[in-house]
Amino acid sequence: MRRVTLVLGCVLLLVLPGSARPQEYRAKGPVQTLPINHGGKIETRYDGFNYETVMSLRKMKVTCDGVKDNFKDECTSMVVSLHCPGVQVSYVRYVTLQLIFESKEWDARHPLDQRELSAVTDTETLKLGRMQLVSQNVDTLTAETLEAKLSYADFKKITMSQVVELQVGKSRFQLREKNIAALRDLNNRVNP
């Protein structure tokens, strides 16, 4: 009788889940999530000259009305980088946002007095400061790259919003759903 009880007890421990099983056997490993299909490319690299780890969302189109580089009037793209001091990704010192404006109009540039960056999120308007000119090229297209340095707190407010609209001078546009998903994916790679 005692042997039957022992065998039945062992079978129950192996078959039935519950608190009688040790913790190490109950855990089934980390929960795996499917990658987000936002179309953006995120890369992480260590910059030894500046002693920081940089996680970047590479150039991603926001408002292009055409296929590939054949757009009708203008195209706006963005590049976002999180700057983490040292060799770690758990603390972000600051965020850089680059906006690339490409246009067939030669007068579509942003003069110095029209480079104030604002973001309208679900709940508030963020005044993010004046953007700096990184590069300007006038060929068959006018291409202008502007950059702003954001606080990580402002970046998180943008990533947590459902709708985000950006304005630089007279240029005003809304981030697409894929753009916001890519920013969230970039933010989720920070290990707080």
Protein backbone atom coordinates (compact mmCIF):
# COMPACT_ATOMS: atom_id res chain seq x y z
CA MET A 1 0.00 0.00 0.00
CA ARG A 2 2.80 2.32 0.92
CA ARG A 3 4.56 1.63 -2.38
CA VAL A 4 1.39 2.39 -4.40
CA THR A 5 0.96 5.71 -2.58
CA LEU A 6 4.55 6.66 -3.28
CA VAL A 7 4.24 5.80 -7.00
CA LEU A 8 0.94 7.70 -7.32
CA GLY A 9 2.48 10.70 -5.53
CA CYS A 10 5.42 10.75 -7.93
CA VAL A 11 3.10 10.46 -10.96
CA LEU A 12 0.97 13.34 -9.67
CA LEU A 13 4.05 15.52 -9.18
CA LEU A 14 5.14 14.90 -12.76
CA VAL A 15 1.72 15.22 -14.41
CA LEU A 16 -0.12 17.93 -12.51
CA PRO A 17 1.15 21.48 -12.41
CA GLY A 18 0.97 23.16 -9.08
CA SER A 19 2.74 24.47 -6.06
CA ALA A 20 4.10 21.07 -5.09
CA ARG A 21 6.49 21.16 -8.05
CA PRO A 22 9.80 22.93 -7.55
CA GLN A 23 10.11 26.47 -8.95
CA GLU A 24 12.80 25.51 -11.43
CA TYR A 25 10.50 22.99 -13.11
CA ARG A 26 7.51 25.33 -13.22
CA ALA A 27 9.27 28.07 -15.15
CA LYS A 28 9.07 27.58 -18.89
CA GLY A 29 11.63 30.23 -19.86
CA PRO A 30 11.25 33.81 -21.02
CA VAL A 31 8.13 34.86 -22.86
CA GLN A 32 8.97 35.32 -26.50
CA THR A 33 7.35 38.13 -28.43
CA LEU A 34 7.10 38.45 -32.16
CA PRO A 35 9.22 41.18 -33.75
CA ILE A 36 7.34 44.33 -34.68
CA ASN A 37 7.02 44.78 -38.43
CA HIS A 38 7.53 48.54 -38.70
CA GLY A 39 10.04 48.47 -41.55
CA GLY A 40 12.70 50.47 -39.70
CA LYS A 41 16.25 49.31 -39.09
CA ILE A 42 17.69 49.64 -35.58
CA GLU A 43 21.38 49.21 -34.87
CA THR A 44 23.52 49.44 -31.75
CA ARG A 45 27.19 50.39 -31.76
CA TYR A 46 29.81 51.55 -29.31
CA ASP A 47 31.48 54.90 -30.03
CA GLY A 48 34.91 54.66 -28.41
CA PHE A 49 35.82 58.28 -29.13
CA ASN A 50 32.82 59.63 -27.21
CA TYR A 51 32.70 56.72 -24.70
CA GLU A 52 29.04 55.96 -25.38
CA THR A 53 26.76 53.30 -26.78
CA VAL A 54 24.47 54.61 -29.51
CA MET A 55 21.22 52.88 -30.49
CA SER A 56 19.89 54.30 -33.75
CA LEU A 57 16.79 54.05 -35.87
CA ARG A 58 18.24 54.48 -39.34
CA LYS A 59 16.69 56.79 -41.92
CA MET A 60 12.97 56.10 -42.07
CA LYS A 61 10.53 57.85 -44.40
CA VAL A 62 7.67 59.78 -42.83
CA THR A 63 5.89 61.78 -45.54
CA CYS A 64 6.87 60.56 -48.96
CA ASP A 65 4.14 60.59 -51.59
CA GLY A 66 5.62 58.16 -54.09
CA VAL A 67 7.54 54.97 -54.59
CA LYS A 68 11.21 54.79 -53.53
CA ASP A 69 12.90 58.11 -54.40
CA ASN A 70 10.32 59.10 -57.02
CA PHE A 71 8.13 61.46 -55.01
CA LYS A 72 5.91 64.25 -56.33
CA ASP A 73 6.70 67.31 -54.23
CA GLU A 74 8.59 66.61 -51.04
CA CYS A 75 9.76 63.87 -48.74
CA THR A 76 10.49 63.98 -45.01
CA SER A 77 12.51 61.27 -43.25
CA MET A 78 13.82 60.89 -39.71
CA VAL A 79 16.81 59.39 -37.92
CA VAL A 80 16.68 58.92 -34.13
CA SER A 81 19.61 57.98 -31.85
CA LEU A 82 19.69 57.19 -28.14
CA HIS A 83 23.03 58.08 -26.51
CA CYS A 84 23.95 55.93 -23.48
CA PRO A 85 27.19 56.73 -21.60
CA GLY A 86 29.74 53.91 -21.49
CA VAL A 87 29.10 50.33 -22.52
CA GLN A 88 25.51 49.95 -21.33
CA VAL A 89 21.94 50.43 -22.54
CA SER A 90 20.11 51.04 -19.27
CA TYR A 91 20.50 54.82 -18.98
CA VAL A 92 19.98 57.27 -21.84
CA ARG A 93 21.82 60.59 -21.46
CA TYR A 94 20.08 62.30 -24.41
CA VAL A 95 18.35 61.65 -27.74
CA THR A 96 19.13 63.15 -31.15
CA LEU A 97 16.43 63.57 -33.77
CA GLN A 98 17.40 64.33 -37.34
CA LEU A 99 14.79 65.38 -39.87
CA ILE A 100 15.74 65.14 -43.54
CA PHE A 101 13.70 67.32 -45.89
CA GLU A 102 13.97 66.58 -49.62
CA SER A 103 12.10 68.72 -52.10
CA LYS A 104 12.01 69.57 -55.78
CA GLU A 105 11.42 73.21 -54.82
CA TRP A 106 14.59 75.24 -54.36
CA ASP A 107 13.04 77.57 -51.81
CA ALA A 108 11.88 74.78 -49.46
CA ARG A 109 14.76 75.29 -47.02
CA HIS A 110 14.33 76.31 -43.39
CA PRO A 111 15.95 79.68 -42.61
CA LEU A 112 17.49 80.17 -39.17
CA ASP A 113 14.35 81.82 -37.75
CA GLN A 114 12.16 78.88 -38.90
CA ARG A 115 13.87 75.96 -37.17
CA GLU A 116 11.90 75.76 -33.90
CA LEU A 117 10.80 72.16 -33.32
CA SER A 118 7.46 71.39 -31.64
CA ALA A 119 5.64 68.12 -31.12
CA VAL A 120 1.94 67.71 -30.43
CA THR A 121 1.20 64.42 -28.67
CA ASP A 122 -2.06 62.99 -27.36
CA THR A 123 -1.99 65.09 -24.22
CA GLU A 124 0.36 68.03 -24.66
CA THR A 125 2.45 70.29 -26.87
CA LEU A 126 6.21 69.94 -26.42
CA LYS A 127 8.51 72.82 -27.34
CA LEU A 128 11.70 70.94 -28.20
CA GLY A 129 13.98 73.82 -29.13
CA ARG A 130 15.81 75.08 -32.20
CA MET A 131 17.13 72.57 -34.70
CA GLN A 132 20.69 72.90 -36.01
CA LEU A 133 21.62 72.62 -39.67
CA VAL A 134 23.67 69.44 -40.24
CA SER A 135 23.85 69.48 -44.03
CA GLN A 136 22.34 71.15 -47.05
CA ASN A 137 22.61 70.03 -50.64
CA VAL A 138 21.15 71.65 -53.75
CA ASP A 139 21.32 69.50 -56.85
CA THR A 140 18.31 68.19 -58.75
CA LEU A 141 16.69 68.03 -55.30
CA THR A 142 17.03 70.31 -52.32
CA ALA A 143 18.08 68.16 -49.36
CA GLU A 144 18.36 69.62 -45.89
CA THR A 145 19.16 67.79 -42.64
CA LEU A 146 18.24 69.42 -39.33
CA GLU A 147 19.07 67.99 -35.89
CA ALA A 148 17.70 68.55 -32.40
CA LYS A 149 18.90 67.25 -29.05
CA LEU A 150 15.98 66.00 -26.92
CA SER A 151 15.72 64.88 -23.34
CA TYR A 152 14.92 61.21 -22.84
CA ALA A 153 11.75 62.21 -20.93
CA ASP A 154 10.42 64.09 -23.98
CA PHE A 155 11.33 61.17 -26.25
CA LYS A 156 9.38 58.78 -23.99
CA LYS A 157 6.32 61.06 -24.11
CA ILE A 158 6.45 60.90 -27.90
CA THR A 159 6.80 57.09 -27.96
CA MET A 160 3.88 56.60 -25.55
CA SER A 161 1.49 58.65 -27.70
CA GLN A 162 -0.98 57.29 -30.21
CA VAL A 163 -0.79 60.38 -32.45
CA VAL A 164 2.29 62.58 -32.90
CA GLU A 165 2.50 65.67 -35.07
CA LEU A 166 5.80 67.52 -35.61
CA GLN A 167 6.35 71.07 -36.79
CA VAL A 168 9.55 72.80 -37.88
CA GLY A 169 8.93 76.32 -39.11
CA LYS A 170 6.26 76.03 -41.82
CA SER A 171 6.77 72.27 -42.25
CA ARG A 172 4.12 70.32 -40.39
CA PHE A 173 3.54 66.56 -40.60
CA GLN A 174 2.17 63.62 -38.64
CA LEU A 175 4.18 60.50 -37.84
CA ARG A 176 2.70 57.37 -39.36
CA GLU A 177 1.76 54.34 -37.28
CA LYS A 178 4.91 52.52 -38.45
CA ASN A 179 7.09 55.47 -37.40
CA ILE A 180 5.66 55.45 -33.87
CA ALA A 181 6.01 51.64 -33.71
CA ALA A 182 9.69 51.95 -34.70
CA LEU A 183 10.27 54.60 -32.00
CA ARG A 184 8.61 52.33 -29.42
CA ASP A 185 10.78 49.43 -30.53
CA LEU A 186 13.88 51.61 -30.15
CA ASN A 187 12.76 52.70 -26.67
CA ASN A 188 11.97 49.11 -25.63
CA ARG A 189 15.61 48.15 -26.23
CA VAL A 190 16.66 50.28 -23.26
CA ASN A 191 16.98 48.07 -20.15
CA PRO A 192 15.96 50.22 -17.17
